[in-house]
N, C-alpha and C. Protein backbone atom coordinates (compact mmCIF):
# COMPACT_ATOMS: atom_id res chain seq x y z
N MET A 1 -12.58 42.20 4.29
CA MET A 1 -11.93 40.96 3.92
C MET A 1 -10.99 41.19 2.74
N LYS A 2 -9.79 40.74 2.86
CA LYS A 2 -8.88 40.84 1.72
C LYS A 2 -9.25 39.73 0.73
N THR A 3 -9.12 40.04 -0.53
CA THR A 3 -9.52 39.05 -1.53
C THR A 3 -8.41 38.02 -1.70
N GLU A 4 -8.83 36.77 -1.71
CA GLU A 4 -7.92 35.65 -1.89
C GLU A 4 -8.40 34.86 -3.09
N SER A 5 -7.47 34.31 -3.84
CA SER A 5 -7.88 33.49 -4.97
C SER A 5 -8.45 32.17 -4.46
N LEU A 6 -9.28 31.58 -5.28
CA LEU A 6 -9.89 30.30 -4.90
C LEU A 6 -8.83 29.22 -4.72
N TRP A 7 -7.80 29.29 -5.56
CA TRP A 7 -6.73 28.30 -5.45
C TRP A 7 -6.02 28.44 -4.11
N TYR A 8 -5.75 29.67 -3.70
CA TYR A 8 -5.09 29.89 -2.42
C TYR A 8 -5.97 29.42 -1.26
N ILE A 9 -7.26 29.66 -1.33
CA ILE A 9 -8.18 29.21 -0.27
C ILE A 9 -8.14 27.69 -0.16
N PHE A 10 -8.18 27.00 -1.31
CA PHE A 10 -8.12 25.54 -1.31
C PHE A 10 -6.79 25.05 -0.75
N LEU A 11 -5.70 25.62 -1.23
CA LEU A 11 -4.37 25.20 -0.80
C LEU A 11 -4.17 25.47 0.69
N SER A 12 -4.64 26.59 1.15
CA SER A 12 -4.51 26.95 2.55
C SER A 12 -5.27 25.96 3.44
N ALA A 13 -6.50 25.64 3.05
CA ALA A 13 -7.32 24.74 3.87
C ALA A 13 -6.79 23.31 3.84
N SER A 14 -6.22 22.89 2.73
CA SER A 14 -5.80 21.49 2.62
C SER A 14 -4.39 21.24 3.13
N LEU A 15 -3.46 22.14 2.87
CA LEU A 15 -2.07 21.90 3.25
C LEU A 15 -1.55 22.84 4.32
N ILE A 16 -1.62 24.13 4.05
CA ILE A 16 -1.00 25.12 4.93
C ILE A 16 -1.65 25.10 6.31
N ASN A 17 -2.96 25.16 6.36
CA ASN A 17 -3.70 25.16 7.62
C ASN A 17 -4.57 23.92 7.71
N ASN A 18 -3.95 22.77 7.52
CA ASN A 18 -4.67 21.50 7.58
C ASN A 18 -5.37 21.37 8.93
N PHE A 19 -6.65 21.05 8.89
CA PHE A 19 -7.45 21.02 10.11
C PHE A 19 -6.93 20.01 11.12
N VAL A 20 -6.43 18.88 10.67
CA VAL A 20 -5.96 17.84 11.58
C VAL A 20 -4.51 18.09 12.00
N LEU A 21 -3.65 18.35 11.04
CA LEU A 21 -2.22 18.39 11.33
C LEU A 21 -1.69 19.77 11.71
N ALA A 22 -2.47 20.83 11.50
CA ALA A 22 -2.04 22.17 11.91
C ALA A 22 -2.91 22.72 13.03
N TYR A 23 -4.22 22.52 12.93
CA TYR A 23 -5.14 23.03 13.96
C TYR A 23 -5.48 21.98 15.02
N PHE A 24 -5.16 20.73 14.76
CA PHE A 24 -5.45 19.60 15.65
C PHE A 24 -6.94 19.46 15.92
N LEU A 25 -7.74 19.66 14.90
CA LEU A 25 -9.18 19.45 14.99
C LEU A 25 -9.52 18.14 14.29
N GLY A 26 -10.42 17.38 14.84
CA GLY A 26 -10.81 16.11 14.23
C GLY A 26 -9.84 14.99 14.55
N ILE A 27 -9.22 15.04 15.69
CA ILE A 27 -8.23 14.03 16.07
C ILE A 27 -8.88 12.67 16.35
N CYS A 28 -10.12 12.67 16.84
CA CYS A 28 -10.79 11.41 17.20
C CYS A 28 -10.88 10.46 16.00
N PRO A 29 -11.47 10.87 14.86
CA PRO A 29 -11.47 9.94 13.72
C PRO A 29 -10.08 9.75 13.13
N PHE A 30 -9.22 10.76 13.25
CA PHE A 30 -7.86 10.66 12.73
C PHE A 30 -7.12 9.49 13.38
N LEU A 31 -7.28 9.33 14.66
CA LEU A 31 -6.60 8.24 15.36
C LEU A 31 -7.43 6.96 15.38
N GLY A 32 -8.76 7.10 15.38
CA GLY A 32 -9.62 5.93 15.54
C GLY A 32 -9.90 5.14 14.28
N VAL A 33 -9.97 5.81 13.14
CA VAL A 33 -10.38 5.13 11.91
C VAL A 33 -9.21 4.93 10.96
N SER A 34 -8.04 5.32 11.37
CA SER A 34 -6.91 5.31 10.44
C SER A 34 -6.10 4.02 10.49
N GLY A 35 -6.69 2.93 10.94
CA GLY A 35 -5.97 1.67 11.00
C GLY A 35 -5.82 1.01 9.63
N LYS A 36 -6.80 1.20 8.77
CA LYS A 36 -6.79 0.60 7.43
C LYS A 36 -7.03 1.69 6.39
N MET A 37 -6.38 1.55 5.27
CA MET A 37 -6.48 2.54 4.19
C MET A 37 -7.91 2.68 3.67
N GLU A 38 -8.60 1.57 3.52
CA GLU A 38 -9.95 1.59 2.97
C GLU A 38 -10.91 2.39 3.85
N THR A 39 -10.91 2.11 5.15
CA THR A 39 -11.81 2.83 6.04
C THR A 39 -11.40 4.30 6.16
N ALA A 40 -10.12 4.58 6.12
CA ALA A 40 -9.65 5.97 6.20
C ALA A 40 -10.13 6.77 4.98
N THR A 41 -10.05 6.16 3.81
CA THR A 41 -10.49 6.84 2.59
C THR A 41 -11.98 7.12 2.63
N LYS A 42 -12.75 6.15 3.04
CA LYS A 42 -14.20 6.33 3.07
C LYS A 42 -14.63 7.29 4.17
N MET A 43 -13.95 7.26 5.30
CA MET A 43 -14.25 8.22 6.36
C MET A 43 -13.91 9.64 5.89
N GLY A 44 -12.79 9.77 5.19
CA GLY A 44 -12.41 11.07 4.64
C GLY A 44 -13.45 11.59 3.67
N SER A 45 -13.98 10.70 2.85
CA SER A 45 -15.04 11.09 1.90
C SER A 45 -16.30 11.52 2.63
N ALA A 46 -16.67 10.78 3.67
CA ALA A 46 -17.87 11.13 4.44
C ALA A 46 -17.70 12.48 5.13
N VAL A 47 -16.54 12.71 5.72
CA VAL A 47 -16.29 13.99 6.40
C VAL A 47 -16.26 15.12 5.38
N THR A 48 -15.67 14.90 4.22
CA THR A 48 -15.65 15.93 3.18
C THR A 48 -17.06 16.29 2.74
N PHE A 49 -17.91 15.28 2.55
CA PHE A 49 -19.30 15.53 2.17
C PHE A 49 -20.01 16.36 3.23
N VAL A 50 -19.85 15.97 4.49
CA VAL A 50 -20.49 16.71 5.59
C VAL A 50 -19.94 18.13 5.65
N MET A 51 -18.65 18.30 5.44
CA MET A 51 -18.06 19.64 5.45
C MET A 51 -18.64 20.53 4.36
N ILE A 52 -18.79 19.99 3.17
CA ILE A 52 -19.32 20.79 2.06
C ILE A 52 -20.75 21.19 2.33
N ILE A 53 -21.59 20.24 2.73
CA ILE A 53 -23.00 20.56 3.00
C ILE A 53 -23.10 21.55 4.15
N SER A 54 -22.34 21.33 5.21
CA SER A 54 -22.38 22.22 6.37
C SER A 54 -21.90 23.61 6.02
N SER A 55 -20.88 23.69 5.19
CA SER A 55 -20.34 24.99 4.79
C SER A 55 -21.34 25.79 3.97
N VAL A 56 -21.95 25.13 3.02
CA VAL A 56 -22.95 25.81 2.18
C VAL A 56 -24.14 26.26 3.03
N CYS A 57 -24.60 25.38 3.90
CA CYS A 57 -25.72 25.74 4.78
C CYS A 57 -25.33 26.85 5.76
N ALA A 58 -24.10 26.80 6.26
CA ALA A 58 -23.65 27.83 7.20
C ALA A 58 -23.61 29.20 6.53
N TYR A 59 -23.23 29.22 5.26
CA TYR A 59 -23.23 30.50 4.53
C TYR A 59 -24.65 31.08 4.49
N GLY A 60 -25.62 30.24 4.13
CA GLY A 60 -27.01 30.69 4.07
C GLY A 60 -27.56 31.08 5.43
N ILE A 61 -27.24 30.27 6.43
CA ILE A 61 -27.71 30.56 7.79
C ILE A 61 -27.14 31.88 8.29
N HIS A 62 -25.86 32.08 8.05
CA HIS A 62 -25.22 33.33 8.49
C HIS A 62 -25.88 34.54 7.83
N ALA A 63 -26.10 34.46 6.53
CA ALA A 63 -26.74 35.58 5.82
C ALA A 63 -28.15 35.83 6.38
N PHE A 64 -28.89 34.78 6.63
CA PHE A 64 -30.25 34.92 7.16
C PHE A 64 -30.24 35.51 8.56
N LEU A 65 -29.36 35.00 9.43
CA LEU A 65 -29.32 35.48 10.81
C LEU A 65 -28.85 36.93 10.89
N VAL A 66 -27.95 37.32 10.02
CA VAL A 66 -27.53 38.73 9.98
C VAL A 66 -28.68 39.60 9.50
N ALA A 67 -29.44 39.10 8.53
CA ALA A 67 -30.58 39.87 7.99
C ALA A 67 -31.67 40.09 9.04
N ILE A 68 -31.89 39.11 9.92
CA ILE A 68 -32.94 39.28 10.94
C ILE A 68 -32.36 39.75 12.28
N ASN A 69 -31.08 40.13 12.25
CA ASN A 69 -30.39 40.65 13.43
C ASN A 69 -30.41 39.66 14.60
N ALA A 70 -30.07 38.41 14.29
CA ALA A 70 -30.01 37.36 15.33
C ALA A 70 -28.74 36.52 15.19
N PRO A 71 -27.56 37.16 15.11
CA PRO A 71 -26.33 36.37 14.95
C PRO A 71 -25.99 35.49 16.15
N PHE A 72 -26.63 35.73 17.28
CA PHE A 72 -26.38 34.91 18.47
C PHE A 72 -26.90 33.49 18.30
N LEU A 73 -27.72 33.23 17.31
CA LEU A 73 -28.23 31.88 17.04
C LEU A 73 -27.33 31.08 16.10
N GLN A 74 -26.21 31.68 15.72
CA GLN A 74 -25.33 31.06 14.75
C GLN A 74 -24.83 29.68 15.19
N LEU A 75 -24.25 29.60 16.35
CA LEU A 75 -23.62 28.35 16.80
C LEU A 75 -24.63 27.21 16.88
N ILE A 76 -25.76 27.44 17.49
CA ILE A 76 -26.77 26.37 17.62
C ILE A 76 -27.30 25.97 16.25
N SER A 77 -27.43 26.92 15.35
CA SER A 77 -27.91 26.61 14.00
C SER A 77 -26.90 25.74 13.26
N TYR A 78 -25.63 26.07 13.39
CA TYR A 78 -24.60 25.28 12.73
C TYR A 78 -24.59 23.85 13.27
N ILE A 79 -24.74 23.71 14.57
CA ILE A 79 -24.73 22.37 15.18
C ILE A 79 -25.91 21.54 14.67
N VAL A 80 -27.08 22.15 14.53
CA VAL A 80 -28.25 21.44 14.02
C VAL A 80 -28.01 20.97 12.59
N VAL A 81 -27.43 21.83 11.75
CA VAL A 81 -27.16 21.47 10.35
C VAL A 81 -26.14 20.33 10.29
N ILE A 82 -25.09 20.41 11.09
CA ILE A 82 -24.06 19.37 11.09
C ILE A 82 -24.66 18.03 11.54
N ALA A 83 -25.43 18.05 12.62
CA ALA A 83 -26.03 16.81 13.12
C ALA A 83 -26.98 16.20 12.10
N SER A 84 -27.76 17.03 11.42
CA SER A 84 -28.69 16.53 10.40
C SER A 84 -27.95 15.93 9.22
N THR A 85 -26.90 16.58 8.79
CA THR A 85 -26.12 16.07 7.66
C THR A 85 -25.45 14.75 8.01
N VAL A 86 -24.91 14.66 9.20
CA VAL A 86 -24.28 13.40 9.63
C VAL A 86 -25.30 12.28 9.69
N GLN A 87 -26.49 12.58 10.17
CA GLN A 87 -27.55 11.57 10.22
C GLN A 87 -27.88 11.07 8.82
N LEU A 88 -27.92 11.98 7.85
CA LEU A 88 -28.18 11.61 6.46
C LEU A 88 -27.06 10.71 5.93
N VAL A 89 -25.82 11.10 6.19
CA VAL A 89 -24.67 10.30 5.74
C VAL A 89 -24.69 8.91 6.39
N GLU A 90 -25.00 8.88 7.67
CA GLU A 90 -25.05 7.60 8.38
C GLU A 90 -26.11 6.67 7.77
N MET A 91 -27.27 7.20 7.47
CA MET A 91 -28.33 6.38 6.86
C MET A 91 -27.91 5.89 5.48
N LEU A 92 -27.26 6.77 4.69
CA LEU A 92 -26.81 6.37 3.35
C LEU A 92 -25.76 5.26 3.42
N ILE A 93 -24.79 5.40 4.29
CA ILE A 93 -23.74 4.39 4.40
C ILE A 93 -24.30 3.07 4.92
N LYS A 94 -25.22 3.14 5.88
CA LYS A 94 -25.81 1.92 6.42
C LYS A 94 -26.58 1.18 5.33
N LYS A 95 -27.26 1.93 4.46
CA LYS A 95 -28.05 1.32 3.39
C LYS A 95 -27.16 0.80 2.25
N MET A 96 -26.13 1.59 1.87
CA MET A 96 -25.33 1.25 0.71
C MET A 96 -24.18 0.30 1.00
N SER A 97 -23.59 0.39 2.20
CA SER A 97 -22.44 -0.44 2.53
C SER A 97 -22.46 -0.82 4.01
N PRO A 98 -23.21 -1.87 4.36
CA PRO A 98 -23.27 -2.29 5.76
C PRO A 98 -21.91 -2.67 6.35
N THR A 99 -21.01 -3.20 5.53
CA THR A 99 -19.69 -3.56 6.05
C THR A 99 -18.89 -2.31 6.42
N LEU A 100 -18.97 -1.28 5.59
CA LEU A 100 -18.30 -0.02 5.92
C LEU A 100 -18.93 0.60 7.16
N PHE A 101 -20.25 0.49 7.26
CA PHE A 101 -20.96 1.02 8.43
C PHE A 101 -20.43 0.36 9.71
N ARG A 102 -20.24 -0.96 9.67
CA ARG A 102 -19.71 -1.67 10.83
C ARG A 102 -18.24 -1.33 11.06
N ALA A 103 -17.48 -1.15 9.98
CA ALA A 103 -16.05 -0.84 10.11
C ALA A 103 -15.84 0.54 10.74
N LEU A 104 -16.67 1.50 10.36
CA LEU A 104 -16.54 2.85 10.92
C LEU A 104 -17.04 2.90 12.36
N GLY A 105 -18.01 2.04 12.67
CA GLY A 105 -18.49 1.91 14.05
C GLY A 105 -18.93 3.22 14.67
N ILE A 106 -18.47 3.47 15.87
CA ILE A 106 -18.88 4.64 16.63
C ILE A 106 -18.33 5.94 16.03
N PHE A 107 -17.31 5.83 15.19
CA PHE A 107 -16.71 7.03 14.65
C PHE A 107 -17.59 7.72 13.61
N LEU A 108 -18.53 7.00 13.03
CA LEU A 108 -19.44 7.64 12.08
C LEU A 108 -20.38 8.63 12.77
N PRO A 109 -21.09 8.25 13.82
CA PRO A 109 -21.90 9.27 14.51
C PRO A 109 -21.04 10.34 15.19
N LEU A 110 -19.79 10.03 15.46
CA LEU A 110 -18.93 11.03 16.08
C LEU A 110 -18.54 12.15 15.13
N ILE A 111 -18.86 12.00 13.84
CA ILE A 111 -18.64 13.11 12.91
C ILE A 111 -19.44 14.32 13.40
N THR A 112 -20.59 14.05 14.03
CA THR A 112 -21.43 15.13 14.53
C THR A 112 -20.65 16.01 15.51
N THR A 113 -19.87 15.40 16.35
CA THR A 113 -19.11 16.16 17.34
C THR A 113 -17.69 16.44 16.87
N ASN A 114 -17.42 16.20 15.60
CA ASN A 114 -16.10 16.46 15.05
C ASN A 114 -15.88 17.97 15.02
N CYS A 115 -14.95 18.41 15.82
CA CYS A 115 -14.73 19.86 15.93
C CYS A 115 -14.17 20.45 14.64
N ALA A 116 -13.65 19.63 13.73
CA ALA A 116 -13.16 20.15 12.46
C ALA A 116 -14.31 20.72 11.64
N ILE A 117 -15.46 20.09 11.69
CA ILE A 117 -16.59 20.55 10.90
C ILE A 117 -17.16 21.84 11.50
N LEU A 118 -17.33 21.86 12.80
CA LEU A 118 -17.80 23.09 13.44
C LEU A 118 -16.77 24.20 13.27
N GLY A 119 -15.50 23.86 13.39
CA GLY A 119 -14.44 24.85 13.17
C GLY A 119 -14.50 25.43 11.77
N LEU A 120 -14.74 24.57 10.78
CA LEU A 120 -14.86 25.01 9.39
C LEU A 120 -15.94 26.07 9.24
N THR A 121 -17.12 25.80 9.78
CA THR A 121 -18.23 26.75 9.63
C THR A 121 -17.92 28.07 10.35
N LEU A 122 -17.31 27.98 11.51
CA LEU A 122 -16.99 29.21 12.25
C LEU A 122 -15.86 29.98 11.58
N PHE A 123 -14.84 29.28 11.10
CA PHE A 123 -13.72 29.95 10.43
C PHE A 123 -14.18 30.68 9.16
N GLN A 124 -15.01 30.01 8.36
CA GLN A 124 -15.44 30.63 7.11
C GLN A 124 -16.30 31.86 7.39
N THR A 125 -17.11 31.80 8.44
CA THR A 125 -17.94 32.95 8.80
C THR A 125 -17.06 34.10 9.27
N ASN A 126 -16.07 33.80 10.11
CA ASN A 126 -15.18 34.84 10.61
C ASN A 126 -14.32 35.45 9.51
N LYS A 127 -13.99 34.66 8.49
CA LYS A 127 -13.18 35.17 7.39
C LYS A 127 -14.01 35.96 6.38
N GLY A 128 -15.34 35.88 6.52
CA GLY A 128 -16.22 36.63 5.62
C GLY A 128 -16.28 36.07 4.21
N TYR A 129 -16.12 34.79 4.05
CA TYR A 129 -16.15 34.18 2.72
C TYR A 129 -17.55 34.24 2.12
N GLY A 130 -17.60 34.41 0.81
CA GLY A 130 -18.85 34.34 0.08
C GLY A 130 -19.21 32.88 -0.19
N PHE A 131 -20.24 32.69 -1.01
CA PHE A 131 -20.72 31.33 -1.27
C PHE A 131 -19.66 30.46 -1.93
N VAL A 132 -19.05 30.95 -3.00
CA VAL A 132 -18.06 30.15 -3.74
C VAL A 132 -16.82 29.91 -2.89
N GLU A 133 -16.37 30.95 -2.18
CA GLU A 133 -15.20 30.80 -1.31
C GLU A 133 -15.47 29.78 -0.20
N SER A 134 -16.68 29.81 0.35
CA SER A 134 -17.05 28.85 1.40
C SER A 134 -17.02 27.43 0.86
N PHE A 135 -17.53 27.24 -0.34
CA PHE A 135 -17.54 25.92 -0.97
C PHE A 135 -16.11 25.42 -1.18
N VAL A 136 -15.25 26.29 -1.73
CA VAL A 136 -13.86 25.91 -2.00
C VAL A 136 -13.11 25.65 -0.69
N TYR A 137 -13.39 26.46 0.33
CA TYR A 137 -12.76 26.28 1.64
C TYR A 137 -13.15 24.92 2.22
N ALA A 138 -14.41 24.55 2.13
CA ALA A 138 -14.87 23.25 2.63
C ALA A 138 -14.25 22.11 1.83
N LEU A 139 -14.17 22.28 0.53
CA LEU A 139 -13.56 21.26 -0.32
C LEU A 139 -12.09 21.07 0.03
N GLY A 140 -11.38 22.17 0.25
CA GLY A 140 -9.97 22.09 0.63
C GLY A 140 -9.79 21.47 2.00
N ALA A 141 -10.64 21.87 2.95
CA ALA A 141 -10.55 21.30 4.31
C ALA A 141 -10.84 19.81 4.29
N GLY A 142 -11.83 19.40 3.51
CA GLY A 142 -12.15 17.98 3.38
C GLY A 142 -11.02 17.20 2.71
N ALA A 143 -10.43 17.80 1.68
CA ALA A 143 -9.30 17.15 1.01
C ALA A 143 -8.12 17.01 1.97
N GLY A 144 -7.86 18.05 2.74
CA GLY A 144 -6.77 17.99 3.71
C GLY A 144 -7.02 16.95 4.79
N PHE A 145 -8.28 16.88 5.24
CA PHE A 145 -8.65 15.88 6.25
C PHE A 145 -8.44 14.47 5.69
N THR A 146 -8.87 14.26 4.45
CA THR A 146 -8.72 12.96 3.81
C THR A 146 -7.25 12.61 3.61
N VAL A 147 -6.45 13.58 3.17
CA VAL A 147 -5.02 13.34 2.98
C VAL A 147 -4.37 12.93 4.31
N ALA A 148 -4.72 13.63 5.38
CA ALA A 148 -4.16 13.29 6.69
C ALA A 148 -4.54 11.88 7.11
N LEU A 149 -5.81 11.51 6.90
CA LEU A 149 -6.25 10.15 7.24
C LEU A 149 -5.54 9.10 6.40
N ILE A 150 -5.39 9.36 5.12
CA ILE A 150 -4.74 8.39 4.23
C ILE A 150 -3.26 8.24 4.58
N LEU A 151 -2.60 9.36 4.88
CA LEU A 151 -1.18 9.29 5.25
C LEU A 151 -0.98 8.46 6.52
N ILE A 152 -1.74 8.74 7.54
CA ILE A 152 -1.56 7.99 8.79
C ILE A 152 -1.97 6.53 8.62
N ALA A 153 -3.02 6.28 7.81
CA ALA A 153 -3.44 4.89 7.57
C ALA A 153 -2.36 4.11 6.83
N GLY A 154 -1.76 4.73 5.83
CA GLY A 154 -0.68 4.07 5.09
C GLY A 154 0.51 3.75 5.98
N LEU A 155 0.85 4.70 6.83
CA LEU A 155 1.97 4.47 7.75
C LEU A 155 1.64 3.40 8.78
N ARG A 156 0.41 3.40 9.27
CA ARG A 156 0.03 2.38 10.26
C ARG A 156 -0.02 0.99 9.63
N GLU A 157 -0.45 0.91 8.36
CA GLU A 157 -0.45 -0.39 7.69
C GLU A 157 0.98 -0.90 7.51
N GLN A 158 1.91 -0.01 7.19
CA GLN A 158 3.31 -0.40 7.04
C GLN A 158 3.92 -0.83 8.37
N LEU A 159 3.45 -0.24 9.45
CA LEU A 159 3.96 -0.59 10.78
C LEU A 159 3.64 -2.03 11.17
N GLU A 160 2.58 -2.59 10.58
CA GLU A 160 2.23 -3.97 10.89
C GLU A 160 3.33 -4.93 10.49
N PHE A 161 4.14 -4.55 9.49
CA PHE A 161 5.21 -5.41 9.00
C PHE A 161 6.56 -5.06 9.60
N ALA A 162 6.60 -4.04 10.42
CA ALA A 162 7.87 -3.60 11.02
C ALA A 162 8.02 -4.18 12.42
N GLU A 163 9.26 -4.30 12.83
CA GLU A 163 9.54 -4.73 14.19
C GLU A 163 9.56 -3.49 15.07
N VAL A 164 8.54 -3.34 15.88
CA VAL A 164 8.41 -2.18 16.75
C VAL A 164 8.63 -2.66 18.18
N PRO A 165 9.46 -1.96 18.95
CA PRO A 165 9.66 -2.36 20.34
C PRO A 165 8.33 -2.36 21.10
N LYS A 166 8.19 -3.31 22.02
CA LYS A 166 6.92 -3.43 22.75
C LYS A 166 6.59 -2.17 23.55
N VAL A 167 7.59 -1.42 23.94
CA VAL A 167 7.38 -0.21 24.74
C VAL A 167 6.53 0.82 23.98
N VAL A 168 6.73 0.91 22.66
CA VAL A 168 6.02 1.92 21.88
C VAL A 168 4.96 1.34 20.95
N LYS A 169 4.70 0.07 21.06
CA LYS A 169 3.73 -0.57 20.18
C LYS A 169 2.31 -0.05 20.47
N GLY A 170 1.51 0.08 19.42
CA GLY A 170 0.11 0.49 19.59
C GLY A 170 -0.08 2.00 19.54
N THR A 171 -0.74 2.51 20.55
CA THR A 171 -1.11 3.93 20.57
C THR A 171 0.10 4.85 20.61
N VAL A 172 1.14 4.45 21.32
CA VAL A 172 2.31 5.31 21.46
C VAL A 172 2.96 5.58 20.11
N ILE A 173 3.19 4.56 19.32
CA ILE A 173 3.82 4.75 18.02
C ILE A 173 2.91 5.54 17.08
N THR A 174 1.60 5.33 17.20
CA THR A 174 0.65 6.09 16.38
C THR A 174 0.73 7.57 16.70
N LEU A 175 0.80 7.91 17.99
CA LEU A 175 0.92 9.31 18.38
C LEU A 175 2.25 9.91 17.95
N LEU A 176 3.32 9.13 18.02
CA LEU A 176 4.62 9.61 17.55
C LEU A 176 4.59 9.91 16.06
N ILE A 177 3.99 9.00 15.31
CA ILE A 177 3.90 9.21 13.85
C ILE A 177 3.02 10.42 13.55
N ALA A 178 1.92 10.56 14.27
CA ALA A 178 1.04 11.71 14.06
C ALA A 178 1.79 13.01 14.34
N GLY A 179 2.61 13.03 15.37
CA GLY A 179 3.40 14.21 15.69
C GLY A 179 4.40 14.54 14.60
N ILE A 180 5.06 13.52 14.08
CA ILE A 180 6.04 13.73 13.01
C ILE A 180 5.33 14.21 11.74
N LEU A 181 4.16 13.62 11.45
CA LEU A 181 3.37 14.09 10.30
C LEU A 181 3.00 15.55 10.46
N SER A 182 2.58 15.91 11.66
CA SER A 182 2.21 17.30 11.93
C SER A 182 3.40 18.23 11.73
N LEU A 183 4.56 17.81 12.20
CA LEU A 183 5.76 18.62 12.01
C LEU A 183 6.10 18.77 10.53
N SER A 184 5.92 17.70 9.77
CA SER A 184 6.22 17.79 8.34
C SER A 184 5.26 18.73 7.62
N PHE A 185 4.01 18.80 8.07
CA PHE A 185 3.08 19.72 7.44
C PHE A 185 3.36 21.17 7.81
N MET A 186 4.12 21.39 8.89
CA MET A 186 4.50 22.76 9.22
C MET A 186 5.39 23.36 8.14
N GLY A 187 6.03 22.52 7.36
CA GLY A 187 6.85 22.99 6.25
C GLY A 187 6.04 23.72 5.19
N PHE A 188 4.74 23.42 5.12
CA PHE A 188 3.88 24.10 4.15
C PHE A 188 3.53 25.52 4.59
N SER A 189 3.82 25.86 5.85
CA SER A 189 3.42 27.18 6.33
C SER A 189 4.12 28.30 5.57
N GLY A 190 5.24 28.03 4.99
CA GLY A 190 5.93 29.04 4.17
C GLY A 190 5.20 29.39 2.89
N LEU A 191 4.29 28.52 2.46
CA LEU A 191 3.53 28.80 1.24
C LEU A 191 2.56 29.94 1.44
N GLY A 192 2.17 30.21 2.68
CA GLY A 192 1.18 31.24 2.95
C GLY A 192 1.73 32.64 2.92
N SER A 193 3.04 32.79 2.86
CA SER A 193 3.65 34.13 2.90
C SER A 193 3.51 34.84 1.58
């Protein structure tokens, strides 16, 4: 593994290789929960929390499975950790903010099947990151996910006041905006050189 600074790992995960806008992982909550800024921010926070916990646990699981010569159990172990963490987050949100729980609806349990989180654990393992690098990578990926959600939510809120032709109203305009956002994030790819 080539050594990378922690700042570069964070910047790469959040902007250069944004999980939503560059890898197209986690599109379901990106399109489903991004109607309002408040729900987008809180969903981003929940996904970031799950990413950090899953990343830290994946580091430990990987080290343990390599030590007992059972790396073939990696994927199923990661899925169990992600599902458990999401269940914990779901219980916390339901207890602390029932209105947010209702606003997030089906998208909260769908964090479990959010491919961005599973992708995070697999990417960090393949890159050979240590504990601190894994933590920073998860933090950057969560920040990037949150930024993408907030950007699309802000744009969708502004669209409510705009005159949009009926042909592109709704899902079509959202997908167009998501594509343009994705193209704009490609401009960050030069930072990785």
